[in-house]
Amino acid sequence: MSYFDHEKLDVYQAAMELVDLINTTIENLPRGKAYLVDQLQRAGSSVPLNIAEGAGEYAHNEKNRFYRIARRSATECAGIFDICRRLKIIEEKNYLQARELLMRIVAMLSKLARVSEKT
């Protein structure tokens, strides 16, 4: 079976884990927080989608741009999880799991952006 370039990236696999975690998290958010659900879904799906676009790009400056967008979306997710924690609408273990995963994703994307900048 052949794979797309983005499917081979550890950061893409981690971003897909993030999508799963977000889906589980939003199932448990109260109904009155639809704005957070929407924002988290959009920012969360932006991470793997921009990684896929970047991996499929040949121009280094464009590749870098997609990885930077993915990184910004990941940090946006971190902010949304912080809000959920502040509002006490997320379990602490889910918050910590999301934070750890997002820190890994941001670190990997930062490295990818730096590497694509130099090539």
PDB file of N, CA and C in Angstrom:
ATOM      1  N   MET A   1       0.845  -1.178   0.000  1.00  0.00           N
ATOM      2  CA  MET A   1       0.000   0.000   0.000  1.00  0.00           C
ATOM      3  C   MET A   1       0.895   1.247   0.000  1.00  0.00           C
ATOM      4  N   SER A   2       0.611   2.168  -0.869  1.00  0.00           N
ATOM      5  CA  SER A   2       1.391   3.407  -0.898  1.00  0.00           C
ATOM      6  C   SER A   2       0.733   4.456  -0.014  1.00  0.00           C
ATOM      7  N   TYR A   3       1.540   5.421   0.385  1.00  0.00           N
ATOM      8  CA  TYR A   3       1.078   6.460   1.303  1.00  0.00           C
ATOM      9  C   TYR A   3       1.337   7.838   0.711  1.00  0.00           C
ATOM     10  N   PHE A   4       0.527   8.792   1.136  1.00  0.00           N
ATOM     11  CA  PHE A   4       0.808  10.182   0.833  1.00  0.00           C
ATOM     12  C   PHE A   4       1.947  10.627   1.745  1.00  0.00           C
ATOM     13  N   ASP A   5       2.682  11.647   1.326  1.00  0.00           N
ATOM     14  CA  ASP A   5       3.826  12.132   2.115  1.00  0.00           C
ATOM     15  C   ASP A   5       3.421  12.507   3.538  1.00  0.00           C
ATOM     16  N   HIS A   6       2.281  13.176   3.688  1.00  0.00           N
ATOM     17  CA  HIS A   6       1.893  13.643   5.023  1.00  0.00           C
ATOM     18  C   HIS A   6       1.597  12.493   5.978  1.00  0.00           C
ATOM     19  N   GLU A   7       1.156  11.354   5.447  1.00  0.00           N
ATOM     20  CA  GLU A   7       0.816  10.221   6.307  1.00  0.00           C
ATOM     21  C   GLU A   7       2.048   9.600   6.963  1.00  0.00           C
ATOM     22  N   LYS A   8       3.216   9.881   6.414  1.00  0.00           N
ATOM     23  CA  LYS A   8       4.468   9.340   6.944  1.00  0.00           C
ATOM     24  C   LYS A   8       5.027  10.196   8.078  1.00  0.00           C
ATOM     25  N   LEU A   9       4.481  11.390   8.258  1.00  0.00           N
ATOM     26  CA  LEU A   9       5.001  12.317   9.264  1.00  0.00           C
ATOM     27  C   LEU A   9       4.438  12.018  10.657  1.00  0.00           C
ATOM     28  N   ASP A  10       5.334  11.943  11.646  1.00  0.00           N
ATOM     29  CA  ASP A  10       4.901  11.743  13.035  1.00  0.00           C
ATOM     30  C   ASP A  10       3.969  12.863  13.485  1.00  0.00           C
ATOM     31  N   VAL A  11       4.248  14.083  13.046  1.00  0.00           N
ATOM     32  CA  VAL A  11       3.424  15.220  13.463  1.00  0.00           C
ATOM     33  C   VAL A  11       2.005  15.080  12.907  1.00  0.00           C
ATOM     34  N   TYR A  12       1.869  14.528  11.730  1.00  0.00           N
ATOM     35  CA  TYR A  12       0.529  14.314  11.164  1.00  0.00           C
ATOM     36  C   TYR A  12      -0.231  13.274  12.003  1.00  0.00           C
ATOM     37  N   GLN A  13       0.446  12.217  12.372  1.00  0.00           N
ATOM     38  CA  GLN A  13      -0.195  11.182  13.203  1.00  0.00           C
ATOM     39  C   GLN A  13      -0.603  11.760  14.558  1.00  0.00           C
ATOM     40  N   ALA A  14       0.256  12.600  15.136  1.00  0.00           N
ATOM     41  CA  ALA A  14      -0.077  13.254  16.414  1.00  0.00           C
ATOM     42  C   ALA A  14      -1.265  14.197  16.233  1.00  0.00           C
ATOM     43  N   ALA A  15      -1.315  14.892  15.096  1.00  0.00           N
ATOM     44  CA  ALA A  15      -2.429  15.804  14.823  1.00  0.00           C
ATOM     45  C   ALA A  15      -3.736  15.033  14.679  1.00  0.00           C
ATOM     46  N   MET A  16      -3.670  13.836  14.131  1.00  0.00           N
ATOM     47  CA  MET A  16      -4.876  13.014  14.029  1.00  0.00           C
ATOM     48  C   MET A  16      -5.313  12.534  15.417  1.00  0.00           C
ATOM     49  N   GLU A  17      -4.346  12.263  16.297  1.00  0.00           N
ATOM     50  CA  GLU A  17      -4.680  11.953  17.696  1.00  0.00           C
ATOM     51  C   GLU A  17      -5.395  13.137  18.333  1.00  0.00           C
ATOM     52  N   LEU A  18      -4.928  14.346  18.012  1.00  0.00           N
ATOM     53  CA  LEU A  18      -5.559  15.558  18.526  1.00  0.00           C
ATOM     54  C   LEU A  18      -7.012  15.641  18.070  1.00  0.00           C
ATOM     55  N   VAL A  19      -7.278  15.332  16.820  1.00  0.00           N
ATOM     56  CA  VAL A  19      -8.656  15.345  16.305  1.00  0.00           C
ATOM     57  C   VAL A  19      -9.528  14.384  17.118  1.00  0.00           C
ATOM     58  N   ASP A  20      -8.995  13.192  17.400  1.00  0.00           N
ATOM     59  CA  ASP A  20      -9.740  12.223  18.222  1.00  0.00           C
ATOM     60  C   ASP A  20      -9.991  12.767  19.625  1.00  0.00           C
ATOM     61  N   LEU A  21      -8.962  13.356  20.225  1.00  0.00           N
ATOM     62  CA  LEU A  21      -9.093  13.909  21.577  1.00  0.00           C
ATOM     63  C   LEU A  21     -10.103  15.048  21.611  1.00  0.00           C
ATOM     64  N   ILE A  22     -10.070  15.897  20.604  1.00  0.00           N
ATOM     65  CA  ILE A  22     -11.035  17.001  20.525  1.00  0.00           C
ATOM     66  C   ILE A  22     -12.446  16.455  20.405  1.00  0.00           C
ATOM     67  N   ASN A  23     -12.625  15.445  19.581  1.00  0.00           N
ATOM     68  CA  ASN A  23     -13.952  14.857  19.413  1.00  0.00           C
ATOM     69  C   ASN A  23     -14.481  14.305  20.737  1.00  0.00           C
ATOM     70  N   THR A  24     -13.631  13.626  21.474  1.00  0.00           N
ATOM     71  CA  THR A  24     -14.027  13.102  22.786  1.00  0.00           C
ATOM     72  C   THR A  24     -14.344  14.244  23.751  1.00  0.00           C
ATOM     73  N   THR A  25     -13.531  15.283  23.722  1.00  0.00           N
ATOM     74  CA  THR A  25     -13.706  16.420  24.623  1.00  0.00           C
ATOM     75  C   THR A  25     -15.018  17.143  24.361  1.00  0.00           C
ATOM     76  N   ILE A  26     -15.326  17.409  23.100  1.00  0.00           N
ATOM     77  CA  ILE A  26     -16.528  18.194  22.808  1.00  0.00           C
ATOM     78  C   ILE A  26     -17.805  17.434  23.107  1.00  0.00           C
ATOM     79  N   GLU A  27     -17.729  16.108  23.104  1.00  0.00           N
ATOM     80  CA  GLU A  27     -18.903  15.318  23.480  1.00  0.00           C
ATOM     81  C   GLU A  27     -19.303  15.573  24.928  1.00  0.00           C
ATOM     82  N   ASN A  28     -18.330  15.984  25.739  1.00  0.00           N
ATOM     83  CA  ASN A  28     -18.577  16.189  27.173  1.00  0.00           C
ATOM     84  C   ASN A  28     -18.750  17.653  27.567  1.00  0.00           C
ATOM     85  N   LEU A  29     -18.670  18.568  26.605  1.00  0.00           N
ATOM     86  CA  LEU A  29     -18.860  19.978  26.943  1.00  0.00           C
ATOM     87  C   LEU A  29     -20.345  20.294  27.076  1.00  0.00           C
ATOM     88  N   PRO A  30     -20.676  21.226  27.976  1.00  0.00           N
ATOM     89  CA  PRO A  30     -22.086  21.590  28.149  1.00  0.00           C
ATOM     90  C   PRO A  30     -22.662  22.249  26.895  1.00  0.00           C
ATOM     91  N   ARG A  31     -23.954  22.121  26.719  1.00  0.00           N
ATOM     92  CA  ARG A  31     -24.628  22.645  25.527  1.00  0.00           C
ATOM     93  C   ARG A  31     -24.437  24.140  25.327  1.00  0.00           C
ATOM     94  N   GLY A  32     -24.369  24.901  26.369  1.00  0.00           N
ATOM     95  CA  GLY A  32     -24.258  26.348  26.259  1.00  0.00           C
ATOM     96  C   GLY A  32     -22.899  26.845  25.783  1.00  0.00           C
ATOM     97  N   LYS A  33     -22.016  25.948  25.473  1.00  0.00           N
ATOM     98  CA  LYS A  33     -20.658  26.328  25.060  1.00  0.00           C
ATOM     99  C   LYS A  33     -20.398  25.992  23.597  1.00  0.00           C
ATOM    100  N   ALA A  34     -21.399  26.157  22.769  1.00  0.00           N
ATOM    101  CA  ALA A  34     -21.280  25.821  21.342  1.00  0.00           C
ATOM    102  C   ALA A  34     -20.189  26.626  20.657  1.00  0.00           C
ATOM    103  N   TYR A  35     -19.972  27.851  21.108  1.00  0.00           N
ATOM    104  CA  TYR A  35     -18.924  28.678  20.503  1.00  0.00           C
ATOM    105  C   TYR A  35     -17.549  28.053  20.703  1.00  0.00           C
ATOM    106  N   LEU A  36     -17.305  27.432  21.861  1.00  0.00           N
ATOM    107  CA  LEU A  36     -16.032  26.755  22.112  1.00  0.00           C
ATOM    108  C   LEU A  36     -15.921  25.476  21.294  1.00  0.00           C
ATOM    109  N   VAL A  37     -17.030  24.766  21.181  1.00  0.00           N
ATOM    110  CA  VAL A  37     -17.052  23.539  20.381  1.00  0.00           C
ATOM    111  C   VAL A  37     -16.681  23.855  18.940  1.00  0.00           C
ATOM    112  N   ASP A  38     -17.335  24.854  18.379  1.00  0.00           N
ATOM    113  CA  ASP A  38     -17.076  25.233  16.988  1.00  0.00           C
ATOM    114  C   ASP A  38     -15.627  25.662  16.795  1.00  0.00           C
ATOM    115  N   GLN A  39     -15.141  26.517  17.671  1.00  0.00           N
ATOM    116  CA  GLN A  39     -13.775  27.035  17.552  1.00  0.00           C
ATOM    117  C   GLN A  39     -12.757  25.910  17.684  1.00  0.00           C
ATOM    118  N   LEU A  40     -12.983  25.003  18.626  1.00  0.00           N
ATOM    119  CA  LEU A  40     -12.057  23.890  18.849  1.00  0.00           C
ATOM    120  C   LEU A  40     -12.066  22.928  17.664  1.00  0.00           C
ATOM    121  N   GLN A  41     -13.238  22.660  17.112  1.00  0.00           N
ATOM    122  CA  GLN A  41     -13.315  21.782  15.939  1.00  0.00           C
ATOM    123  C   GLN A  41     -12.585  22.394  14.750  1.00  0.00           C
ATOM    124  N   ARG A  42     -12.794  23.670  14.518  1.00  0.00           N
ATOM    125  CA  ARG A  42     -12.167  24.327  13.362  1.00  0.00           C
ATOM    126  C   ARG A  42     -10.655  24.412  13.531  1.00  0.00           C
ATOM    127  N   ALA A  43     -10.200  24.847  14.699  1.00  0.00           N
ATOM    128  CA  ALA A  43      -8.751  24.954  14.934  1.00  0.00           C
ATOM    129  C   ALA A  43      -8.105  23.563  14.922  1.00  0.00           C
ATOM    130  N   GLY A  44      -8.773  22.601  15.535  1.00  0.00           N
ATOM    131  CA  GLY A  44      -8.222  21.240  15.601  1.00  0.00           C
ATOM    132  C   GLY A  44      -8.098  20.579  14.246  1.00  0.00           C
ATOM    133  N   SER A  45      -9.113  20.746  13.398  1.00  0.00           N
ATOM    134  CA  SER A  45      -9.033  20.134  12.064  1.00  0.00           C
ATOM    135  C   SER A  45      -8.048  20.877  11.175  1.00  0.00           C
ATOM    136  N   SER A  46      -7.802  22.133  11.456  1.00  0.00           N
ATOM    137  CA  SER A  46      -6.838  22.912  10.682  1.00  0.00           C
ATOM    138  C   SER A  46      -5.417  22.377  10.832  1.00  0.00           C
ATOM    139  N   VAL A  47      -5.118  21.773  11.965  1.00  0.00           N
ATOM    140  CA  VAL A  47      -3.758  21.290  12.203  1.00  0.00           C
ATOM    141  C   VAL A  47      -3.379  20.196  11.200  1.00  0.00           C
ATOM    142  N   PRO A  48      -4.081  19.057  11.153  1.00  0.00           N
ATOM    143  CA  PRO A  48      -3.672  18.027  10.189  1.00  0.00           C
ATOM    144  C   PRO A  48      -3.884  18.451   8.736  1.00  0.00           C
ATOM    145  N   LEU A  49      -4.897  19.264   8.475  1.00  0.00           N
ATOM    146  CA  LEU A  49      -5.140  19.685   7.094  1.00  0.00           C
ATOM    147  C   LEU A  49      -3.998  20.542   6.561  1.00  0.00           C
ATOM    148  N   ASN A  50      -3.488  21.453   7.376  1.00  0.00           N
ATOM    149  CA  ASN A  50      -2.373  22.283   6.934  1.00  0.00           C
ATOM    150  C   ASN A  50      -1.062  21.505   6.871  1.00  0.00           C
ATOM    151  N   ILE A  51      -0.901  20.510   7.726  1.00  0.00           N
ATOM    152  CA  ILE A  51       0.275  19.637   7.634  1.00  0.00           C
ATOM    153  C   ILE A  51       0.242  18.885   6.304  1.00  0.00           C
ATOM    154  N   ALA A  52      -0.934  18.361   5.952  1.00  0.00           N
ATOM    155  CA  ALA A  52      -1.075  17.637   4.687  1.00  0.00           C
ATOM    156  C   ALA A  52      -0.773  18.555   3.501  1.00  0.00           C
ATOM    157  N   GLU A  53      -1.292  19.772   3.539  1.00  0.00           N
ATOM    158  CA  GLU A  53      -1.020  20.712   2.447  1.00  0.00           C
ATOM    159  C   GLU A  53       0.462  21.049   2.364  1.00  0.00           C
ATOM    160  N   GLY A  54       1.090  21.256   3.512  1.00  0.00           N
ATOM    161  CA  GLY A  54       2.512  21.571   3.517  1.00  0.00           C
ATOM    162  C   GLY A  54       3.361  20.431   2.992  1.00  0.00           C
ATOM    163  N   ALA A  55       3.021  19.217   3.394  1.00  0.00           N
ATOM    164  CA  ALA A  55       3.795  18.055   2.943  1.00  0.00           C
ATOM    165  C   ALA A  55       3.657  17.847   1.440  1.00  0.00           C
ATOM    166  N   GLY A  56       2.543  18.266   0.879  1.00  0.00           N
ATOM    167  CA  GLY A  56       2.311  18.093  -0.550  1.00  0.00           C
ATOM    168  C   GLY A  56       2.831  19.230  -1.406  1.00  0.00           C
ATOM    169  N   GLU A  57       3.425  20.214  -0.764  1.00  0.00           N
ATOM    170  CA  GLU A  57       3.909  21.406  -1.472  1.00  0.00           C
ATOM    171  C   GLU A  57       5.390  21.252  -1.810  1.00  0.00           C
ATOM    172  N   TYR A  58       5.764  21.699  -2.995  1.00  0.00           N
ATOM    173  CA  TYR A  58       7.176  21.642  -3.406  1.00  0.00           C
ATOM    174  C   TYR A  58       7.927  22.927  -3.096  1.00  0.00           C
ATOM    175  N   ALA A  59       7.266  24.058  -3.205  1.00  0.00           N
ATOM    176  CA  ALA A  59       7.921  25.339  -2.929  1.00  0.00           C
ATOM    177  C   ALA A  59       8.175  25.457  -1.429  1.00  0.00           C
ATOM    178  N   HIS A  60       9.428  25.655  -1.065  1.00  0.00           N
ATOM    179  CA  HIS A  60       9.812  25.648   0.354  1.00  0.00           C
ATOM    180  C   HIS A  60       9.134  26.750   1.161  1.00  0.00           C
ATOM    181  N   ASN A  61       8.984  27.932   0.561  1.00  0.00           N
ATOM    182  CA  ASN A  61       8.341  29.014   1.314  1.00  0.00           C
ATOM    183  C   ASN A  61       6.866  28.697   1.577  1.00  0.00           C
ATOM    184  N   GLU A  62       6.209  28.027   0.634  1.00  0.00           N
ATOM    185  CA  GLU A  62       4.807  27.636   0.836  1.00  0.00           C
ATOM    186  C   GLU A  62       4.698  26.496   1.844  1.00  0.00           C
ATOM    187  N   LYS A  63       5.602  25.542   1.759  1.00  0.00           N
ATOM    188  CA  LYS A  63       5.646  24.435   2.713  1.00  0.00           C
ATOM    189  C   LYS A  63       5.763  25.001   4.125  1.00  0.00           C
ATOM    190  N   ASN A  64       6.697  25.927   4.297  1.00  0.00           N
ATOM    191  CA  ASN A  64       6.921  26.580   5.580  1.00  0.00           C
ATOM    192  C   ASN A  64       5.659  27.302   6.055  1.00  0.00           C
ATOM    193  N   ARG A  65       4.996  28.002   5.138  1.00  0.00           N
ATOM    194  CA  ARG A  65       3.786  28.751   5.495  1.00  0.00           C
ATOM    195  C   ARG A  65       2.696  27.817   6.035  1.00  0.00           C
ATOM    196  N   PHE A  66       2.481  26.673   5.393  1.00  0.00           N
ATOM    197  CA  PHE A  66       1.463  25.734   5.862  1.00  0.00           C
ATOM    198  C   PHE A  66       1.815  25.173   7.238  1.00  0.00           C
ATOM    199  N   TYR A  67       3.088  24.872   7.465  1.00  0.00           N
ATOM    200  CA  TYR A  67       3.493  24.365   8.777  1.00  0.00           C
ATOM    201  C   TYR A  67       3.319  25.428   9.858  1.00  0.00           C
ATOM    202  N   ARG A  68       3.581  26.683   9.518  1.00  0.00           N
ATOM    203  CA  ARG A  68       3.377  27.771  10.484  1.00  0.00           C
ATOM    204  C   ARG A  68       1.888  27.960  10.785  1.00  0.00           C
ATOM    205  N   ILE A  69       1.039  27.836   9.774  1.00  0.00           N
ATOM    206  CA  ILE A  69      -0.412  27.936  10.002  1.00  0.00           C
ATOM    207  C   ILE A  69      -0.870  26.802  10.910  1.00  0.00           C
ATOM    208  N   ALA A  70      -0.377  25.591  10.655  1.00  0.00           N
ATOM    209  CA  ALA A  70      -0.735  24.443  11.499  1.00  0.00           C
ATOM    210  C   ALA A  70      -0.299  24.684  12.941  1.00  0.00           C
ATOM    211  N   ARG A  71       0.905  25.257  13.110  1.00  0.00           N
ATOM    212  CA  ARG A  71       1.408  25.543  14.456  1.00  0.00           C
ATOM    213  C   ARG A  71       0.523  26.571  15.158  1.00  0.00           C
ATOM    214  N   ARG A  72       0.108  27.602  14.429  1.00  0.00           N
ATOM    215  CA  ARG A  72      -0.783  28.620  15.022  1.00  0.00           C
ATOM    216  C   ARG A  72      -2.122  28.003  15.427  1.00  0.00           C
ATOM    217  N   SER A  73      -2.639  27.110  14.606  1.00  0.00           N
ATOM    218  CA  SER A  73      -3.904  26.445  14.948  1.00  0.00           C
ATOM    219  C   SER A  73      -3.741  25.577  16.188  1.00  0.00           C
ATOM    220  N   ALA A  74      -2.588  24.931  16.316  1.00  0.00           N
ATOM    221  CA  ALA A  74      -2.330  24.110  17.510  1.00  0.00           C
ATOM    222  C   ALA A  74      -2.268  24.982  18.760  1.00  0.00           C
ATOM    223  N   THR A  75      -1.619  26.133  18.663  1.00  0.00           N
ATOM    224  CA  THR A  75      -1.563  27.012  19.836  1.00  0.00           C
ATOM    225  C   THR A  75      -2.942  27.605  20.138  1.00  0.00           C
ATOM    226  N   GLU A  76      -3.758  27.798  19.104  1.00  0.00           N
ATOM    227  CA  GLU A  76      -5.138  28.238  19.334  1.00  0.00           C
ATOM    228  C   GLU A  76      -5.895  27.170  20.113  1.00  0.00           C
ATOM    229  N   CYS A  77      -5.700  25.911  19.737  1.00  0.00           N
ATOM    230  CA  CYS A  77      -6.337  24.809  20.473  1.00  0.00           C
ATOM    231  C   CYS A  77      -5.908  24.833  21.939  1.00  0.00           C
ATOM    232  N   ALA A  78      -4.625  25.089  22.181  1.00  0.00           N
ATOM    233  CA  ALA A  78      -4.132  25.155  23.562  1.00  0.00           C
ATOM    234  C   ALA A  78      -4.868  26.246  24.332  1.00  0.00           C
ATOM    235  N   GLY A  79      -5.077  27.392  23.696  1.00  0.00           N
ATOM    236  CA  GLY A  79      -5.819  28.477  24.336  1.00  0.00           C
ATOM    237  C   GLY A  79      -7.251  28.094  24.633  1.00  0.00           C
ATOM    238  N   ILE A  80      -7.877  27.385  23.720  1.00  0.00           N
ATOM    239  CA  ILE A  80      -9.268  26.953  23.931  1.00  0.00           C
ATOM    240  C   ILE A  80      -9.336  25.958  25.085  1.00  0.00           C
ATOM    241  N   PHE A  81      -8.388  25.035  25.138  1.00  0.00           N
ATOM    242  CA  PHE A  81      -8.350  24.099  26.263  1.00  0.00           C
ATOM    243  C   PHE A  81      -8.123  24.842  27.579  1.00  0.00           C
ATOM    244  N   ASP A  82      -7.303  25.905  27.565  1.00  0.00           N
ATOM    245  CA  ASP A  82      -7.108  26.725  28.764  1.00  0.00           C
ATOM    246  C   ASP A  82      -8.426  27.358  29.211  1.00  0.00           C
ATOM    247  N   ILE A  83      -9.196  27.854  28.252  1.00  0.00           N
ATOM    248  CA  ILE A  83     -10.503  28.443  28.574  1.00  0.00           C
ATOM    249  C   ILE A  83     -11.422  27.397  29.184  1.00  0.00           C
ATOM    250  N   CYS A  84     -11.447  26.217  28.593  1.00  0.00           N
ATOM    251  CA  CYS A  84     -12.287  25.133  29.125  1.00  0.00           C
ATOM    252  C   CYS A  84     -11.889  24.786  30.557  1.00  0.00           C
ATOM    253  N   ARG A  85     -10.594  24.773  30.809  1.00  0.00           N
ATOM    254  CA  ARG A  85     -10.117  24.487  32.163  1.00  0.00           C
ATOM    255  C   ARG A  85     -10.534  25.598  33.115  1.00  0.00           C
ATOM    256  N   ARG A  86     -10.366  26.846  32.687  1.00  0.00           N
ATOM    257  CA  ARG A  86     -10.722  27.994  33.526  1.00  0.00           C
ATOM    258  C   ARG A  86     -12.210  27.970  33.872  1.00  0.00           C
ATOM    259  N   LEU A  87     -13.025  27.576  32.896  1.00  0.00           N
ATOM    260  CA  LEU A  87     -14.473  27.514  33.106  1.00  0.00           C
ATOM    261  C   LEU A  87     -14.913  26.224  33.813  1.00  0.00           C
ATOM    262  N   LYS A  88     -13.934  25.371  34.093  1.00  0.00           N
ATOM    263  CA  LYS A  88     -14.191  24.099  34.785  1.00  0.00           C
ATOM    264  C   LYS A  88     -15.179  23.208  34.029  1.00  0.00           C
ATOM    265  N   ILE A  89     -14.990  23.149  32.713  1.00  0.00           N
ATOM    266  CA  ILE A  89     -15.886  22.318  31.895  1.00  0.00           C
ATOM    267  C   ILE A  89     -15.134  21.173  31.205  1.00  0.00           C
ATOM    268  N   ILE A  90     -13.903  20.946  31.648  1.00  0.00           N
ATOM    269  CA  ILE A  90     -13.107  19.842  31.116  1.00  0.00           C
ATOM    270  C   ILE A  90     -12.436  19.135  32.284  1.00  0.00           C
ATOM    271  N   GLU A  91     -12.358  17.818  32.193  1.00  0.00           N
ATOM    272  CA  GLU A  91     -11.670  17.064  33.236  1.00  0.00           C
ATOM    273  C   GLU A  91     -10.182  17.371  33.175  1.00  0.00           C
ATOM    274  N   GLU A  92      -9.568  17.443  34.334  1.00  0.00           N
ATOM    275  CA  GLU A  92      -8.148  17.790  34.417  1.00  0.00           C
ATOM    276  C   GLU A  92      -7.279  16.816  33.615  1.00  0.00           C
ATOM    277  N   LYS A  93      -7.583  15.529  33.672  1.00  0.00           N
ATOM    278  CA  LYS A  93      -6.766  14.555  32.930  1.00  0.00           C
ATOM    279  C   LYS A  93      -6.870  14.786  31.429  1.00  0.00           C
ATOM    280  N   ASN A  94      -8.039  15.171  30.931  1.00  0.00           N
ATOM    281  CA  ASN A  94      -8.194  15.466  29.507  1.00  0.00           C
ATOM    282  C   ASN A  94      -7.438  16.741  29.131  1.00  0.00           C
ATOM    283  N   TYR A  95      -7.492  17.723  30.014  1.00  0.00           N
ATOM    284  CA  TYR A  95      -6.760  18.960  29.784  1.00  0.00           C
ATOM    285  C   TYR A  95      -5.261  18.682  29.699  1.00  0.00           C
ATOM    286  N   LEU A  96      -4.739  17.917  30.647  1.00  0.00           N
ATOM    287  CA  LEU A  96      -3.305  17.621  30.674  1.00  0.00           C
ATOM    288  C   LEU A  96      -2.886  16.781  29.468  1.00  0.00           C
ATOM    289  N   GLN A  97      -3.733  15.858  29.071  1.00  0.00           N
ATOM    290  CA  GLN A  97      -3.451  15.040  27.890  1.00  0.00           C
ATOM    291  C   GLN A  97      -3.395  15.923  26.634  1.00  0.00           C
ATOM    292  N   ALA A  98      -4.346  16.822  26.512  1.00  0.00           N
ATOM    293  CA  ALA A  98      -4.377  17.740  25.362  1.00  0.00           C
ATOM    294  C   ALA A  98      -3.146  18.635  25.368  1.00  0.00           C
ATOM    295  N   ARG A  99      -2.814  19.157  26.518  1.00  0.00           N
ATOM    296  CA  ARG A  99      -1.659  20.059  26.632  1.00  0.00           C
ATOM    297  C   ARG A  99      -0.369  19.360  26.225  1.00  0.00           C
ATOM    298  N   GLU A 100      -0.169  18.147  26.706  1.00  0.00           N
ATOM    299  CA  GLU A 100       1.039  17.381  26.381  1.00  0.00           C
ATOM    300  C   GLU A 100       1.107  17.097  24.872  1.00  0.00           C
ATOM    301  N   LEU A 101      -0.005  16.679  24.297  1.00  0.00           N
ATOM    302  CA  LEU A 101      -0.053  16.393  22.865  1.00  0.00           C
ATOM    303  C   LEU A 101       0.206  17.655  22.045  1.00  0.00           C
ATOM    304  N   LEU A 102      -0.402  18.760  22.445  1.00  0.00           N
ATOM    305  CA  LEU A 102      -0.217  20.022  21.726  1.00  0.00           C
ATOM    306  C   LEU A 102       1.218  20.533  21.828  1.00  0.00           C
ATOM    307  N   MET A 103       1.842  20.343  22.959  1.00  0.00           N
ATOM    308  CA  MET A 103       3.242  20.763  23.093  1.00  0.00           C
ATOM    309  C   MET A 103       4.132  19.954  22.149  1.00  0.00           C
ATOM    310  N   ARG A 104       3.858  18.660  22.018  1.00  0.00           N
ATOM    311  CA  ARG A 104       4.612  17.818  21.073  1.00  0.00           C
ATOM    312  C   ARG A 104       4.388  18.282  19.643  1.00  0.00           C
ATOM    313  N   ILE A 105       3.134  18.538  19.305  1.00  0.00           N
ATOM    314  CA  ILE A 105       2.794  18.964  17.941  1.00  0.00           C
ATOM    315  C   ILE A 105       3.462  20.287  17.608  1.00  0.00           C
ATOM    316  N   VAL A 106       3.381  21.250  18.515  1.00  0.00           N
ATOM    317  CA  VAL A 106       3.981  22.568  18.275  1.00  0.00           C
ATOM    318  C   VAL A 106       5.503  22.438  18.116  1.00  0.00           C
ATOM    319  N   ALA A 107       6.131  21.618  18.941  1.00  0.00           N
ATOM    320  CA  ALA A 107       7.584  21.427  18.831  1.00  0.00           C
ATOM    321  C   ALA A 107       7.952  20.815  17.482  1.00  0.00           C
ATOM    322  N   MET A 108       7.217  19.800  17.054  1.00  0.00           N
ATOM    323  CA  MET A 108       7.503  19.159  15.766  1.00  0.00           C
ATOM    324  C   MET A 108       7.263  20.116  14.603  1.00  0.00           C
ATOM    325  N   LEU A 109       6.192  20.902  14.678  1.00  0.00           N
ATOM    326  CA  LEU A 109       5.899  21.859  13.606  1.00  0.00           C
ATOM    327  C   LEU A 109       6.937  22.979  13.564  1.00  0.00           C
ATOM    328  N   SER A 110       7.410  23.395  14.713  1.00  0.00           N
ATOM    329  CA  SER A 110       8.454  24.424  14.753  1.00  0.00           C
ATOM    330  C   SER A 110       9.702  23.915  14.050  1.00  0.00           C
ATOM    331  N   LYS A 111      10.045  22.668  14.316  1.00  0.00           N
ATOM    332  CA  LYS A 111      11.219  22.072  13.677  1.00  0.00           C
ATOM    333  C   LYS A 111      11.000  21.937  12.167  1.00  0.00           C
ATOM    334  N   LEU A 112       9.834  21.463  11.751  1.00  0.00           N
ATOM    335  CA  LEU A 112       9.540  21.339  10.317  1.00  0.00           C
ATOM    336  C   LEU A 112       9.604  22.682   9.609  1.00  0.00           C
ATOM    337  N   ALA A 113       9.086  23.703  10.254  1.00  0.00           N
ATOM    338  CA  ALA A 113       9.102  25.044   9.652  1.00  0.00           C
ATOM    339  C   ALA A 113      10.539  25.536   9.508  1.00  0.00           C
ATOM    340  N   ARG A 114      11.366  25.298  10.520  1.00  0.00           N
ATOM    341  CA  ARG A 114      12.772  25.729  10.446  1.00  0.00           C
ATOM    342  C   ARG A 114      13.505  24.973   9.347  1.00  0.00           C
ATOM    343  N   VAL A 115      13.287  23.668   9.258  1.00  0.00           N
ATOM    344  CA  VAL A 115      13.960  22.849   8.244  1.00  0.00           C
ATOM    345  C   VAL A 115      13.539  23.267   6.839  1.00  0.00           C
ATOM    346  N   SER A 116      12.245  23.491   6.642  1.00  0.00           N
ATOM    347  CA  SER A 116      11.772  23.868   5.300  1.00  0.00           C
ATOM    348  C   SER A 116      12.210  25.286   4.926  1.00  0.00           C
ATOM    349  N   GLU A 117      12.509  26.093   5.930  1.00  0.00           N
ATOM    350  CA  GLU A 117      12.993  27.451   5.693  1.00  0.00           C
ATOM    351  C   GLU A 117      14.416  27.425   5.125  1.00  0.00           C
ATOM    352  N   LYS A 118      15.212  26.462   5.579  1.00  0.00           N
ATOM    353  CA  LYS A 118      16.629  26.394   5.208  1.00  0.00           C
ATOM    354  C   LYS A 118      16.865  25.692   3.877  1.00  0.00           C
ATOM    355  N   THR A 119      15.911  24.881   3.430  1.00  0.00           N
ATOM    356  CA  THR A 119      16.136  24.120   2.199  1.00  0.00           C
ATOM    357  C   THR A 119      15.637  24.839   0.979  1.00  0.00           C
TER     358      THR A 119
END
